[in-house]
Amino acid sequence: MYVLTIDQRNSTNEPDRVPALLNYLEGVPAAVPFERSVGDEIQGVLAAGEDVVEAALRCLRSGGWYVGIGIGTVELPLPPTPREGRGSAFVAARAAVERAKKTGDRAPLAVEGADGAADAEGVLSLIGRFVMHRTDAEWRILDLLEPQQRGSQSAVARTLDISPQAVSKAVFRSAWIEEWAARPAAAVLLQLASADAGHTADGVRE
């Protein structure tokens, strides 16, 4: 399974942004829902690689967060809250979020756990750069698009009363098509690493 530990950046000089991020993460399926774990930190337990990708990218889009993804086991039965959870995935998530604080100019994201975690991190970090550098004007267009659906750009142009060329330029500049092409690869790499963790762990397998 996957544990996400998400820590607010520069929290001593910034207002508490935990409630807003929790609200933003509500639509992401979670085995144990996201909640404030301590201080300005959020944790959640997820079961599917694609959901991890979605949650991580939402955090990077929101900005101001370090994202640690731990791959490993979670002791069963699943706890009612992440604060009561135990297992190697929690240990890995803690190590990941600490390392995410040292990524420098890269996306503030790290993945720790079984073999394959580094591969998943590489793809997620690449996608994360696309997401982090988009403008509000680009998001206004992208939020209305349907991934990999023909005719979606024309429909958005009509909705926003802008030219199809303006939509096309926003899609190109933001690498939106590339993001959605790479998301499945990131999810598959996470799933493979999770399967490897399940096979080799000494604890209770997810």
C-alpha atoms as a PDB file:
ATOM      1  CA  MET A   1       0.000   0.000   0.000  1.00  0.00           C
ATOM      2  CA  TYR A   2       0.967   3.645  -0.098  1.00  0.00           C
ATOM      3  CA  VAL A   3       1.214   6.207   2.670  1.00  0.00           C
ATOM      4  CA  LEU A   4       1.418   9.876   1.770  1.00  0.00           C
ATOM      5  CA  THR A   5       2.952  12.253   4.290  1.00  0.00           C
ATOM      6  CA  ILE A   6       2.498  15.848   3.198  1.00  0.00           C
ATOM      7  CA  ASP A   7       4.182  18.680   5.083  1.00  0.00           C
ATOM      8  CA  GLN A   8       3.525  22.397   4.645  1.00  0.00           C
ATOM      9  CA  ARG A   9       6.504  24.422   3.493  1.00  0.00           C
ATOM     10  CA  ASN A  10       7.609  27.497   5.471  1.00  0.00           C
ATOM     11  CA  SER A  11       4.775  26.906   7.919  1.00  0.00           C
ATOM     12  CA  THR A  12       6.198  29.207  10.586  1.00  0.00           C
ATOM     13  CA  ASN A  13       5.721  32.213   8.287  1.00  0.00           C
ATOM     14  CA  GLU A  14       2.581  31.105   6.458  1.00  0.00           C
ATOM     15  CA  PRO A  15      -1.059  30.680   7.533  1.00  0.00           C
ATOM     16  CA  ASP A  16      -2.334  27.175   8.203  1.00  0.00           C
ATOM     17  CA  ARG A  17      -3.191  25.728   4.786  1.00  0.00           C
ATOM     18  CA  VAL A  18      -4.040  22.210   5.964  1.00  0.00           C
ATOM     19  CA  PRO A  19      -7.859  22.620   5.862  1.00  0.00           C
ATOM     20  CA  ALA A  20      -7.766  23.869   2.267  1.00  0.00           C
ATOM     21  CA  LEU A  21      -5.592  20.986   1.085  1.00  0.00           C
ATOM     22  CA  LEU A  22      -7.723  18.418   2.901  1.00  0.00           C
ATOM     23  CA  ASN A  23     -10.738  19.799   1.085  1.00  0.00           C
ATOM     24  CA  TYR A  24      -8.881  19.580  -2.235  1.00  0.00           C
ATOM     25  CA  LEU A  25      -7.909  15.951  -1.574  1.00  0.00           C
ATOM     26  CA  GLU A  26     -11.420  14.835  -0.653  1.00  0.00           C
ATOM     27  CA  GLY A  27     -12.159  13.513  -4.139  1.00  0.00           C
ATOM     28  CA  VAL A  28      -9.155  11.160  -4.158  1.00  0.00           C
ATOM     29  CA  PRO A  29     -10.096   7.570  -3.167  1.00  0.00           C
ATOM     30  CA  ALA A  30      -8.255   6.564   0.003  1.00  0.00           C
ATOM     31  CA  ALA A  31      -8.137   3.378   2.046  1.00  0.00           C
ATOM     32  CA  VAL A  32      -7.672   5.548   5.138  1.00  0.00           C
ATOM     33  CA  PRO A  33      -8.803   9.138   4.464  1.00  0.00           C
ATOM     34  CA  PHE A  34      -6.408  12.054   4.561  1.00  0.00           C
ATOM     35  CA  GLU A  35      -6.352  14.003   7.789  1.00  0.00           C
ATOM     36  CA  ARG A  36      -4.100  16.264   9.809  1.00  0.00           C
ATOM     37  CA  SER A  37      -1.607  14.006  11.546  1.00  0.00           C
ATOM     38  CA  VAL A  38       0.290  16.565  13.609  1.00  0.00           C
ATOM     39  CA  GLY A  39       0.865  20.296  13.323  1.00  0.00           C
ATOM     40  CA  ASP A  40       0.885  21.312   9.657  1.00  0.00           C
ATOM     41  CA  GLU A  41       1.225  17.763   8.334  1.00  0.00           C
ATOM     42  CA  ILE A  42      -1.283  15.559   6.496  1.00  0.00           C
ATOM     43  CA  GLN A  43      -1.292  11.785   6.087  1.00  0.00           C
ATOM     44  CA  GLY A  44      -3.415   9.311   4.168  1.00  0.00           C
ATOM     45  CA  VAL A  45      -3.287   5.667   3.092  1.00  0.00           C
ATOM     46  CA  LEU A  46      -4.004   4.819  -0.551  1.00  0.00           C
ATOM     47  CA  ALA A  47      -4.402   1.482  -2.295  1.00  0.00           C
ATOM     48  CA  ALA A  48      -4.022   2.297  -6.017  1.00  0.00           C
ATOM     49  CA  GLY A  49      -1.125   3.780  -7.944  1.00  0.00           C
ATOM     50  CA  GLU A  50      -3.323   6.082 -10.030  1.00  0.00           C
ATOM     51  CA  ASP A  51      -4.801   7.562  -6.859  1.00  0.00           C
ATOM     52  CA  VAL A  52      -1.312   8.264  -5.530  1.00  0.00           C
ATOM     53  CA  VAL A  53      -0.486  10.077  -8.761  1.00  0.00           C
ATOM     54  CA  GLU A  54      -3.647  12.170  -8.524  1.00  0.00           C
ATOM     55  CA  ALA A  55      -3.078  13.080  -4.869  1.00  0.00           C
ATOM     56  CA  ALA A  56       0.579  13.970  -5.377  1.00  0.00           C
ATOM     57  CA  LEU A  57      -0.157  16.199  -8.358  1.00  0.00           C
ATOM     58  CA  ARG A  58      -2.956  17.961  -6.507  1.00  0.00           C
ATOM     59  CA  CYS A  59      -0.475  18.791  -3.758  1.00  0.00           C
ATOM     60  CA  LEU A  60       2.079  20.087  -6.243  1.00  0.00           C
ATOM     61  CA  ARG A  61      -0.553  22.150  -8.014  1.00  0.00           C
ATOM     62  CA  SER A  62      -1.648  23.662  -4.728  1.00  0.00           C
ATOM     63  CA  GLY A  63       1.944  24.681  -4.055  1.00  0.00           C
ATOM     64  CA  GLY A  64       3.744  25.043  -0.760  1.00  0.00           C
ATOM     65  CA  TRP A  65       3.923  21.363   0.181  1.00  0.00           C
ATOM     66  CA  TYR A  66       6.541  18.654   0.549  1.00  0.00           C
ATOM     67  CA  VAL A  67       5.156  15.310  -0.630  1.00  0.00           C
ATOM     68  CA  GLY A  68       6.501  12.027   0.700  1.00  0.00           C
ATOM     69  CA  ILE A  69       5.219   8.743  -0.737  1.00  0.00           C
ATOM     70  CA  GLY A  70       5.969   5.566   1.171  1.00  0.00           C
ATOM     71  CA  ILE A  71       5.538   2.152  -0.455  1.00  0.00           C
ATOM     72  CA  GLY A  72       5.287  -0.883   1.782  1.00  0.00           C
ATOM     73  CA  THR A  73       3.008  -2.706   4.171  1.00  0.00           C
ATOM     74  CA  VAL A  74       0.294  -1.393   6.444  1.00  0.00           C
ATOM     75  CA  GLU A  75      -0.727  -3.554   9.363  1.00  0.00           C
ATOM     76  CA  LEU A  76      -4.246  -4.950   9.187  1.00  0.00           C
ATOM     77  CA  PRO A  77      -6.952  -4.256  10.025  1.00  0.00           C
ATOM     78  CA  LEU A  78      -6.605  -0.812   8.549  1.00  0.00           C
ATOM     79  CA  PRO A  79      -6.677   1.884  11.230  1.00  0.00           C
ATOM     80  CA  PRO A  80      -9.551   4.384  11.400  1.00  0.00           C
ATOM     81  CA  THR A  81      -7.032   7.225  11.103  1.00  0.00           C
ATOM     82  CA  PRO A  82      -3.489   7.436   9.701  1.00  0.00           C
ATOM     83  CA  ARG A  83      -2.216   8.453  13.137  1.00  0.00           C
ATOM     84  CA  GLU A  84      -2.946   4.942  14.396  1.00  0.00           C
ATOM     85  CA  GLY A  85      -1.332   3.194  11.451  1.00  0.00           C
ATOM     86  CA  ARG A  86       1.762   1.029  11.560  1.00  0.00           C
ATOM     87  CA  GLY A  87       3.872  -0.685   8.943  1.00  0.00           C
ATOM     88  CA  SER A  88       6.797  -0.200   6.613  1.00  0.00           C
ATOM     89  CA  ALA A  89       4.844   2.178   4.360  1.00  0.00           C
ATOM     90  CA  PHE A  90       4.590   4.696   7.219  1.00  0.00           C
ATOM     91  CA  VAL A  91       8.328   4.479   7.881  1.00  0.00           C
ATOM     92  CA  ALA A  92       9.048   4.931   4.166  1.00  0.00           C
ATOM     93  CA  ALA A  93       6.698   7.921   3.908  1.00  0.00           C
ATOM     94  CA  ARG A  94       8.498   9.662   6.776  1.00  0.00           C
ATOM     95  CA  ALA A  95      11.850   9.152   5.087  1.00  0.00           C
ATOM     96  CA  ALA A  96      10.386  10.335   1.778  1.00  0.00           C
ATOM     97  CA  VAL A  97       8.951  13.596   3.067  1.00  0.00           C
ATOM     98  CA  GLU A  98      12.239  14.440   4.781  1.00  0.00           C
ATOM     99  CA  ARG A  99      14.086  13.833   1.535  1.00  0.00           C
ATOM    100  CA  ALA A 100      11.507  15.884  -0.392  1.00  0.00           C
ATOM    101  CA  LYS A 101      12.650  18.878   1.648  1.00  0.00           C
ATOM    102  CA  LYS A 102      16.082  18.588   0.039  1.00  0.00           C
ATOM    103  CA  THR A 103      15.145  18.346  -3.642  1.00  0.00           C
ATOM    104  CA  GLY A 104      16.238  21.899  -4.414  1.00  0.00           C
ATOM    105  CA  ASP A 105      14.893  23.131  -7.746  1.00  0.00           C
ATOM    106  CA  ARG A 106      13.158  19.810  -8.482  1.00  0.00           C
ATOM    107  CA  ALA A 107       9.577  19.089  -7.571  1.00  0.00           C
ATOM    108  CA  PRO A 108       9.381  18.769  -3.745  1.00  0.00           C
ATOM    109  CA  LEU A 109       8.416  15.111  -3.946  1.00  0.00           C
ATOM    110  CA  ALA A 110      10.120  11.839  -3.037  1.00  0.00           C
ATOM    111  CA  VAL A 111       9.189   8.145  -3.122  1.00  0.00           C
ATOM    112  CA  GLU A 112      10.696   5.587  -0.735  1.00  0.00           C
ATOM    113  CA  GLY A 113      10.167   1.859  -0.359  1.00  0.00           C
ATOM    114  CA  ALA A 114      10.897  -1.240  -2.377  1.00  0.00           C
ATOM    115  CA  ASP A 115      12.915  -1.554  -5.566  1.00  0.00           C
ATOM    116  CA  GLY A 116      11.288   0.574  -8.239  1.00  0.00           C
ATOM    117  CA  ALA A 117      10.492   3.511  -5.977  1.00  0.00           C
ATOM    118  CA  ALA A 118      13.206   5.600  -7.634  1.00  0.00           C
ATOM    119  CA  ASP A 119      11.740   4.940 -11.087  1.00  0.00           C
ATOM    120  CA  ALA A 120       8.290   6.040  -9.933  1.00  0.00           C
ATOM    121  CA  GLU A 121       9.804   9.137  -8.353  1.00  0.00           C
ATOM    122  CA  GLY A 122      11.553  10.075 -11.568  1.00  0.00           C
ATOM    123  CA  VAL A 123       8.364  10.034 -13.625  1.00  0.00           C
ATOM    124  CA  LEU A 124       6.323  11.797 -10.924  1.00  0.00           C
ATOM    125  CA  SER A 125       8.954  14.510 -10.567  1.00  0.00           C
ATOM    126  CA  LEU A 126       8.906  15.120 -14.314  1.00  0.00           C
ATOM    127  CA  ILE A 127       5.124  15.415 -14.404  1.00  0.00           C
ATOM    128  CA  GLY A 128       5.255  17.559 -11.290  1.00  0.00           C
ATOM    129  CA  ARG A 129       7.396  20.163 -13.029  1.00  0.00           C
ATOM    130  CA  PHE A 130       4.697  20.571 -15.665  1.00  0.00           C
ATOM    131  CA  VAL A 131       1.993  20.964 -13.032  1.00  0.00           C
ATOM    132  CA  MET A 132       3.892  23.382 -10.803  1.00  0.00           C
ATOM    133  CA  HIS A 133       4.719  25.897 -13.525  1.00  0.00           C
ATOM    134  CA  ARG A 134       1.283  26.396 -15.051  1.00  0.00           C
ATOM    135  CA  THR A 135      -0.379  29.779 -14.874  1.00  0.00           C
ATOM    136  CA  ASP A 136      -3.886  30.518 -13.590  1.00  0.00           C
ATOM    137  CA  ALA A 137      -4.907  31.328 -17.167  1.00  0.00           C
ATOM    138  CA  GLU A 138      -3.732  27.923 -18.326  1.00  0.00           C
ATOM    139  CA  TRP A 139      -5.533  26.139 -15.501  1.00  0.00           C
ATOM    140  CA  ARG A 140      -8.735  27.982 -16.411  1.00  0.00           C
ATOM    141  CA  ILE A 141      -8.591  26.164 -19.750  1.00  0.00           C
ATOM    142  CA  LEU A 142      -7.116  22.845 -18.610  1.00  0.00           C
ATOM    143  CA  ASP A 143      -9.695  22.313 -15.870  1.00  0.00           C
ATOM    144  CA  LEU A 144     -12.387  22.132 -18.538  1.00  0.00           C
ATOM    145  CA  LEU A 145     -10.602  19.679 -20.813  1.00  0.00           C
ATOM    146  CA  GLU A 146     -11.346  15.965 -20.912  1.00  0.00           C
ATOM    147  CA  PRO A 147      -8.118  13.950 -21.107  1.00  0.00           C
ATOM    148  CA  GLN A 148      -7.634  12.056 -24.356  1.00  0.00           C
ATOM    149  CA  GLN A 149     -11.083  13.009 -25.689  1.00  0.00           C
ATOM    150  CA  ARG A 150     -11.333  14.189 -29.297  1.00  0.00           C
ATOM    151  CA  GLY A 151     -13.174  17.475 -29.669  1.00  0.00           C
ATOM    152  CA  SER A 152     -12.528  18.496 -26.095  1.00  0.00           C
ATOM    153  CA  GLN A 153     -10.454  21.556 -27.027  1.00  0.00           C
ATOM    154  CA  SER A 154     -13.136  22.888 -29.387  1.00  0.00           C
ATOM    155  CA  ALA A 155     -15.779  22.472 -26.690  1.00  0.00           C
ATOM    156  CA  VAL A 156     -13.672  24.393 -24.179  1.00  0.00           C
ATOM    157  CA  ALA A 157     -13.086  27.193 -26.670  1.00  0.00           C
ATOM    158  CA  ARG A 158     -16.847  27.568 -27.107  1.00  0.00           C
ATOM    159  CA  THR A 159     -17.455  27.451 -23.357  1.00  0.00           C
ATOM    160  CA  LEU A 160     -14.892  30.156 -22.603  1.00  0.00           C
ATOM    161  CA  ASP A 161     -15.669  32.132 -25.765  1.00  0.00           C
ATOM    162  CA  ILE A 162     -12.051  32.075 -26.885  1.00  0.00           C
ATOM    163  CA  SER A 163     -10.410  30.868 -30.064  1.00  0.00           C
ATOM    164  CA  PRO A 164      -9.459  27.223 -30.576  1.00  0.00           C
ATOM    165  CA  GLN A 165      -5.946  28.491 -31.231  1.00  0.00           C
ATOM    166  CA  ALA A 166      -5.812  29.996 -27.716  1.00  0.00           C
ATOM    167  CA  VAL A 167      -6.810  26.653 -26.225  1.00  0.00           C
ATOM    168  CA  SER A 168      -4.262  24.826 -28.363  1.00  0.00           C
ATOM    169  CA  LYS A 169      -1.468  27.176 -27.293  1.00  0.00           C
ATOM    170  CA  ALA A 170      -2.343  26.716 -23.612  1.00  0.00           C
ATOM    171  CA  VAL A 171      -2.340  22.944 -24.019  1.00  0.00           C
ATOM    172  CA  PHE A 172       1.040  23.056 -25.756  1.00  0.00           C
ATOM    173  CA  ARG A 173       2.718  25.442 -23.287  1.00  0.00           C
ATOM    174  CA  SER A 174       1.470  23.509 -20.269  1.00  0.00           C
ATOM    175  CA  ALA A 175       2.482  20.050 -21.557  1.00  0.00           C
ATOM    176  CA  TRP A 176      -1.006  18.860 -20.652  1.00  0.00           C
ATOM    177  CA  ILE A 177      -1.035  16.071 -23.244  1.00  0.00           C
ATOM    178  CA  GLU A 178       2.380  14.877 -22.077  1.00  0.00           C
ATOM    179  CA  GLU A 179       1.191  14.827 -18.475  1.00  0.00           C
ATOM    180  CA  TRP A 180      -1.758  12.587 -19.231  1.00  0.00           C
ATOM    181  CA  ALA A 181       0.397  10.338 -21.392  1.00  0.00           C
ATOM    182  CA  ALA A 182       2.862   9.890 -18.510  1.00  0.00           C
ATOM    183  CA  ARG A 183       0.372   9.448 -15.654  1.00  0.00           C
ATOM    184  CA  PRO A 184      -0.292   5.757 -16.438  1.00  0.00           C
ATOM    185  CA  ALA A 185       3.447   5.055 -16.497  1.00  0.00           C
ATOM    186  CA  ALA A 186       3.847   6.576 -13.039  1.00  0.00           C
ATOM    187  CA  ALA A 187       0.901   4.548 -11.745  1.00  0.00           C
ATOM    188  CA  VAL A 188       2.292   1.299 -13.183  1.00  0.00           C
ATOM    189  CA  LEU A 189       5.709   1.922 -11.634  1.00  0.00           C
ATOM    190  CA  LEU A 190       4.087   2.554  -8.261  1.00  0.00           C
ATOM    191  CA  GLN A 191       2.044  -0.641  -8.559  1.00  0.00           C
ATOM    192  CA  LEU A 192       5.133  -2.669  -9.474  1.00  0.00           C
ATOM    193  CA  ALA A 193       7.057  -1.282  -6.512  1.00  0.00           C
ATOM    194  CA  SER A 194       4.108  -2.019  -4.225  1.00  0.00           C
ATOM    195  CA  ALA A 195       3.910  -5.609  -5.469  1.00  0.00           C
ATOM    196  CA  ASP A 196       7.623  -6.040  -4.837  1.00  0.00           C
ATOM    197  CA  ALA A 197       7.219  -4.653  -1.309  1.00  0.00           C
ATOM    198  CA  GLY A 198       4.422  -7.132  -0.653  1.00  0.00           C
ATOM    199  CA  HIS A 199       6.555 -10.054  -1.781  1.00  0.00           C
ATOM    200  CA  THR A 200       9.625  -9.161   0.263  1.00  0.00           C
ATOM    201  CA  ALA A 201       8.256  -7.564   3.438  1.00  0.00           C
ATOM    202  CA  ASP A 202       8.548  -9.293   6.777  1.00  0.00           C
ATOM    203  CA  GLY A 203       5.419  -7.598   8.109  1.00  0.00           C
ATOM    204  CA  VAL A 204       1.765  -8.013   7.213  1.00  0.00           C
ATOM    205  CA  ARG A 205       1.175  -7.779   3.503  1.00  0.00           C
ATOM    206  CA  GLU A 206      -1.447  -5.349   2.196  1.00  0.00           C
END
